[in-house]
Structures are given as structure tokens and as C-alpha cells.
Amino acid sequence: MARARKDSHPITIRMEQGLYDRLEKYCKQSGQPKTVALERALTNYIDLYDKKEAEYAKLKKRPRSQ
């Protein structure tokens, strides 16, 4: 039985050759497609960014001690 298609949006990027080579090697070693590897990497990167932004917002709200 075929998998259901997920809601997606195609993108095209330019990537440095060295980074692309690393991505290729990683995908071959881990056995995952480039799409999955890139989705996971971007999700982790953006999640970390969001976490840092939330922490920064908390610090800005705290009153300064005198």
C-alpha cells in the first residue's frame, strides 16, 4: 500500500559543494533521504532559535536588580 502524500512545498536552493558532499555522505551512512535529513536539521535549528528567543524575551521582562 502506498503512503499518503504529506502536505509539502518544493524548494530549490544553492549549496556549497563541500556541504552538499557532507550531506550526501550523511544520507548514505544514515540511510535517510536528503529531504528527511534537511527537514530534521531545519526543524532542530528553528526549534533552538525559538527556544533562545523565548529565553531572551523572559530576560527582557525581568526587572533589573538595584
Protein backbone atom coordinates (compact mmCIF):
# COMPACT_ATOMS: atom_id res chain seq x y z
CA MET A 1 0.00 0.00 0.00
CA ALA A 2 1.32 3.43 -0.94
CA ARG A 3 1.97 6.06 1.68
CA ALA A 4 -0.31 9.07 1.85
CA ARG A 5 1.28 12.21 0.47
CA LYS A 6 2.10 14.85 3.04
CA ASP A 7 1.29 18.48 2.55
CA SER A 8 4.53 19.91 1.20
CA HIS A 9 6.09 22.76 -0.71
CA PRO A 10 9.00 22.21 -3.12
CA ILE A 11 12.04 24.47 -2.79
CA THR A 12 15.27 24.93 -4.71
CA ILE A 13 18.49 26.07 -3.06
CA ARG A 14 22.13 26.61 -3.93
CA MET A 15 24.51 24.90 -1.54
CA GLU A 16 28.29 24.96 -1.28
CA GLN A 17 29.73 21.81 -2.84
CA GLY A 18 31.56 20.82 0.34
CA LEU A 19 28.37 20.97 2.41
CA TYR A 20 26.46 19.05 -0.26
CA ASP A 21 29.14 16.34 -0.22
CA ARG A 22 28.80 16.08 3.56
CA LEU A 23 25.01 15.85 3.23
CA GLU A 24 25.35 13.09 0.62
CA LYS A 25 27.73 11.13 2.84
CA TYR A 26 25.49 11.57 5.89
CA CYS A 27 22.41 10.41 4.00
CA LYS A 28 24.17 7.33 2.63
CA GLN A 29 25.51 6.40 6.07
CA SER A 30 22.23 7.01 7.88
CA GLY A 31 20.03 5.56 5.15
CA GLN A 32 17.69 8.52 5.04
CA PRO A 33 16.69 10.65 2.06
CA LYS A 34 18.02 14.19 1.75
CA THR A 35 14.52 15.59 2.26
CA VAL A 36 14.18 13.88 5.63
CA ALA A 37 17.69 14.90 6.72
CA LEU A 38 17.12 18.54 5.75
CA GLU A 39 13.66 18.69 7.32
CA ARG A 40 15.05 17.34 10.59
CA ALA A 41 18.04 19.69 10.52
CA LEU A 42 15.88 22.75 9.83
CA THR A 43 13.36 21.75 12.48
CA ASN A 44 16.12 21.39 15.08
CA TYR A 45 17.70 24.70 14.05
CA ILE A 46 14.44 26.64 14.17
CA ASP A 47 13.35 24.97 17.44
CA LEU A 48 16.66 26.02 19.03
CA TYR A 49 16.21 29.56 17.70
CA ASP A 50 12.67 29.74 19.09
CA LYS A 51 13.86 28.48 22.48
CA LYS A 52 16.61 31.11 22.64
CA GLU A 53 14.19 33.84 21.60
CA ALA A 54 11.76 32.79 24.35
CA GLU A 55 14.57 32.83 26.93
CA TYR A 56 15.67 36.27 25.74
CA ALA A 57 12.10 37.58 25.98
CA LYS A 58 11.91 36.33 29.60
CA LEU A 59 15.15 38.12 30.45
CA LYS A 60 13.88 41.36 28.95
CA LYS A 61 10.72 41.19 31.09
CA ARG A 62 12.58 40.66 34.39
CA PRO A 63 13.09 43.82 36.41
CA ARG A 64 16.71 44.76 36.94
CA SER A 65 18.04 44.38 40.48
CA GLN A 66 19.44 47.56 42.00
